[in-house]
Amino acid sequence: MSSAYLIVALVFGVVGWNEARRFGKQYDRTPWGWHAVVWGAVFFLSLLIGLVLIAIAERAGRRDAATRAAAPQAWAPATGFSPPPFGDVTFPPSQQPYAAPPAQPYGQPPTAG
């Protein structure tokens, strides 16, 4: 009778391993990052606990996938664009930056000109 339990437990372990691999293919990672062999061991020890845990992970995986799909894409500059290196900025002659006006001594009115 105990060999029948062992065979059933091994079948449950294979089912858990296959479920973790299926989940990994669908969501690009196994449930909670646990290796498929660990899931096989969980199912080997208890089918009920394994099914409950995989159901919770499936629900969380669906929610995470929906969140990633709805997330706005990060802005990126157009390809081929790169800003000039610092200190290497040159202006055309018509757009030279203006020099600051000379400082006036205290109490002197500004000069026109």
C-alpha atoms as a PDB file:
ATOM      1  CA  MET A   1       0.000   0.000   0.000  1.00  0.00           C
ATOM      2  CA  SER A   2       2.856   2.419   0.747  1.00  0.00           C
ATOM      3  CA  SER A   3       4.292   1.954  -2.745  1.00  0.00           C
ATOM      4  CA  ALA A   4       0.949   3.139  -4.160  1.00  0.00           C
ATOM      5  CA  TYR A   5       1.220   6.304  -2.057  1.00  0.00           C
ATOM      6  CA  LEU A   6       4.770   6.848  -3.283  1.00  0.00           C
ATOM      7  CA  ILE A   7       3.702   6.471  -6.915  1.00  0.00           C
ATOM      8  CA  VAL A   8       0.823   8.915  -6.407  1.00  0.00           C
ATOM      9  CA  ALA A   9       3.162  11.368  -4.651  1.00  0.00           C
ATOM     10  CA  LEU A  10       5.640  11.103  -7.542  1.00  0.00           C
ATOM     11  CA  VAL A  11       2.831  11.833 -10.011  1.00  0.00           C
ATOM     12  CA  PHE A  12       1.854  14.874  -7.932  1.00  0.00           C
ATOM     13  CA  GLY A  13       5.489  16.018  -7.971  1.00  0.00           C
ATOM     14  CA  VAL A  14       5.621  15.752 -11.753  1.00  0.00           C
ATOM     15  CA  VAL A  15       2.346  17.692 -11.983  1.00  0.00           C
ATOM     16  CA  GLY A  16       3.821  20.456  -9.798  1.00  0.00           C
ATOM     17  CA  TRP A  17       7.008  20.561 -11.847  1.00  0.00           C
ATOM     18  CA  ASN A  18       5.003  20.810 -15.090  1.00  0.00           C
ATOM     19  CA  GLU A  19       2.765  23.546 -13.653  1.00  0.00           C
ATOM     20  CA  ALA A  20       5.785  25.617 -12.625  1.00  0.00           C
ATOM     21  CA  ARG A  21       7.322  25.237 -16.105  1.00  0.00           C
ATOM     22  CA  ARG A  22       4.006  26.202 -17.770  1.00  0.00           C
ATOM     23  CA  PHE A  23       3.767  29.245 -15.500  1.00  0.00           C
ATOM     24  CA  GLY A  24       7.352  30.185 -16.360  1.00  0.00           C
ATOM     25  CA  LYS A  25       6.665  30.026 -20.092  1.00  0.00           C
ATOM     26  CA  GLN A  26       3.511  32.118 -19.725  1.00  0.00           C
ATOM     27  CA  TYR A  27       4.862  34.819 -17.374  1.00  0.00           C
ATOM     28  CA  ASP A  28       8.617  34.643 -18.110  1.00  0.00           C
ATOM     29  CA  ARG A  29       9.422  33.514 -14.556  1.00  0.00           C
ATOM     30  CA  THR A  30       8.395  30.731 -12.225  1.00  0.00           C
ATOM     31  CA  PRO A  31       5.921  31.471  -9.413  1.00  0.00           C
ATOM     32  CA  TRP A  32       7.670  33.602  -6.780  1.00  0.00           C
ATOM     33  CA  GLY A  33      10.986  32.791  -8.445  1.00  0.00           C
ATOM     34  CA  TRP A  34      11.062  29.264  -7.004  1.00  0.00           C
ATOM     35  CA  HIS A  35      12.726  26.682  -9.229  1.00  0.00           C
ATOM     36  CA  ALA A  36      10.434  24.113 -10.886  1.00  0.00           C
ATOM     37  CA  VAL A  37      12.058  21.337  -8.836  1.00  0.00           C
ATOM     38  CA  VAL A  38      11.016  23.111  -5.626  1.00  0.00           C
ATOM     39  CA  TRP A  39       7.440  23.247  -6.917  1.00  0.00           C
ATOM     40  CA  GLY A  40       7.666  19.548  -7.700  1.00  0.00           C
ATOM     41  CA  ALA A  41       8.758  18.884  -4.119  1.00  0.00           C
ATOM     42  CA  VAL A  42       5.887  20.981  -2.728  1.00  0.00           C
ATOM     43  CA  PHE A  43       3.382  19.036  -4.829  1.00  0.00           C
ATOM     44  CA  PHE A  44       5.102  15.760  -3.862  1.00  0.00           C
ATOM     45  CA  LEU A  45       4.631  16.566  -0.182  1.00  0.00           C
ATOM     46  CA  SER A  46       1.025  17.765  -0.509  1.00  0.00           C
ATOM     47  CA  LEU A  47      -1.118  18.142  -3.588  1.00  0.00           C
ATOM     48  CA  LEU A  48      -3.616  20.366  -1.769  1.00  0.00           C
ATOM     49  CA  ILE A  49      -1.003  22.823  -0.483  1.00  0.00           C
ATOM     50  CA  GLY A  50       0.682  22.850  -3.886  1.00  0.00           C
ATOM     51  CA  LEU A  51      -2.584  23.586  -5.691  1.00  0.00           C
ATOM     52  CA  VAL A  52      -3.455  26.416  -3.290  1.00  0.00           C
ATOM     53  CA  LEU A  53      -0.002  27.973  -3.619  1.00  0.00           C
ATOM     54  CA  ILE A  54       0.057  27.696  -7.411  1.00  0.00           C
ATOM     55  CA  ALA A  55      -3.445  29.231  -7.602  1.00  0.00           C
ATOM     56  CA  ILE A  56      -2.309  32.199  -5.492  1.00  0.00           C
ATOM     57  CA  ALA A  57       0.810  32.579  -7.628  1.00  0.00           C
ATOM     58  CA  GLU A  58      -1.272  32.388 -10.824  1.00  0.00           C
ATOM     59  CA  ARG A  59      -3.534  35.184  -9.632  1.00  0.00           C
ATOM     60  CA  ALA A  60      -0.557  37.330  -8.647  1.00  0.00           C
ATOM     61  CA  GLY A  61       1.147  36.581 -11.976  1.00  0.00           C
ATOM     62  CA  ARG A  62      -1.929  37.678 -13.935  1.00  0.00           C
ATOM     63  CA  ARG A  63      -2.142  40.891 -11.906  1.00  0.00           C
ATOM     64  CA  ASP A  64       1.575  41.626 -12.400  1.00  0.00           C
ATOM     65  CA  ALA A  65       1.314  40.983 -16.149  1.00  0.00           C
ATOM     66  CA  ALA A  66      -1.664  43.366 -16.408  1.00  0.00           C
ATOM     67  CA  THR A  67       0.219  46.021 -14.421  1.00  0.00           C
ATOM     68  CA  ARG A  68       3.270  45.736 -16.674  1.00  0.00           C
ATOM     69  CA  ALA A  69       1.108  45.973 -19.798  1.00  0.00           C
ATOM     70  CA  ALA A  70      -0.663  49.105 -18.513  1.00  0.00           C
ATOM     71  CA  ALA A  71       2.511  50.841 -17.298  1.00  0.00           C
ATOM     72  CA  PRO A  72       3.578  53.792 -19.438  1.00  0.00           C
ATOM     73  CA  GLN A  73       6.713  53.293 -21.455  1.00  0.00           C
ATOM     74  CA  ALA A  74       9.770  55.203 -20.333  1.00  0.00           C
ATOM     75  CA  TRP A  75      10.693  58.148 -22.533  1.00  0.00           C
ATOM     76  CA  ALA A  76      13.791  57.690 -24.625  1.00  0.00           C
ATOM     77  CA  PRO A  77      15.360  60.154 -27.049  1.00  0.00           C
ATOM     78  CA  ALA A  78      15.203  59.459 -30.753  1.00  0.00           C
ATOM     79  CA  THR A  79      17.840  57.091 -32.023  1.00  0.00           C
ATOM     80  CA  GLY A  80      21.040  58.707 -33.147  1.00  0.00           C
ATOM     81  CA  PHE A  81      20.672  61.627 -30.733  1.00  0.00           C
ATOM     82  CA  SER A  82      23.459  62.338 -28.322  1.00  0.00           C
ATOM     83  CA  PRO A  83      23.995  65.642 -26.556  1.00  0.00           C
ATOM     84  CA  PRO A  84      27.359  67.328 -27.058  1.00  0.00           C
ATOM     85  CA  PRO A  85      29.937  66.642 -24.370  1.00  0.00           C
ATOM     86  CA  PHE A  86      30.194  69.239 -21.629  1.00  0.00           C
ATOM     87  CA  GLY A  87      32.524  72.110 -22.527  1.00  0.00           C
ATOM     88  CA  ASP A  88      32.431  71.365 -26.237  1.00  0.00           C
ATOM     89  CA  VAL A  89      29.482  73.639 -27.009  1.00  0.00           C
ATOM     90  CA  THR A  90      30.108  76.151 -29.771  1.00  0.00           C
ATOM     91  CA  PHE A  91      27.761  78.915 -30.871  1.00  0.00           C
ATOM     92  CA  PRO A  92      27.492  80.392 -34.358  1.00  0.00           C
ATOM     93  CA  PRO A  93      28.775  83.988 -34.495  1.00  0.00           C
ATOM     94  CA  SER A  94      25.275  85.453 -34.570  1.00  0.00           C
ATOM     95  CA  GLN A  95      24.310  83.670 -31.354  1.00  0.00           C
ATOM     96  CA  GLN A  96      27.305  84.273 -29.093  1.00  0.00           C
ATOM     97  CA  PRO A  97      26.217  84.602 -25.478  1.00  0.00           C
ATOM     98  CA  TYR A  98      26.399  88.126 -24.121  1.00  0.00           C
ATOM     99  CA  ALA A  99      29.039  89.085 -21.588  1.00  0.00           C
ATOM    100  CA  ALA A 100      27.825  90.409 -18.242  1.00  0.00           C
ATOM    101  CA  PRO A 101      27.858  94.231 -18.029  1.00  0.00           C
ATOM    102  CA  PRO A 102      30.683  95.679 -15.959  1.00  0.00           C
ATOM    103  CA  ALA A 103      29.820  96.258 -12.316  1.00  0.00           C
ATOM    104  CA  GLN A 104      29.140  99.859 -11.314  1.00  0.00           C
ATOM    105  CA  PRO A 105      30.779 101.227  -8.197  1.00  0.00           C
ATOM    106  CA  TYR A 106      28.428 101.674  -5.270  1.00  0.00           C
ATOM    107  CA  GLY A 107      26.481 104.946  -5.468  1.00  0.00           C
ATOM    108  CA  GLN A 108      27.265 105.633  -9.134  1.00  0.00           C
ATOM    109  CA  PRO A 109      24.362 105.878 -11.569  1.00  0.00           C
ATOM    110  CA  PRO A 110      24.462 103.399 -14.411  1.00  0.00           C
ATOM    111  CA  THR A 111      25.956 104.711 -17.615  1.00  0.00           C
ATOM    112  CA  ALA A 112      24.025 104.631 -20.832  1.00  0.00           C
ATOM    113  CA  GLY A 113      25.588 103.071 -23.653  1.00  0.00           C
END
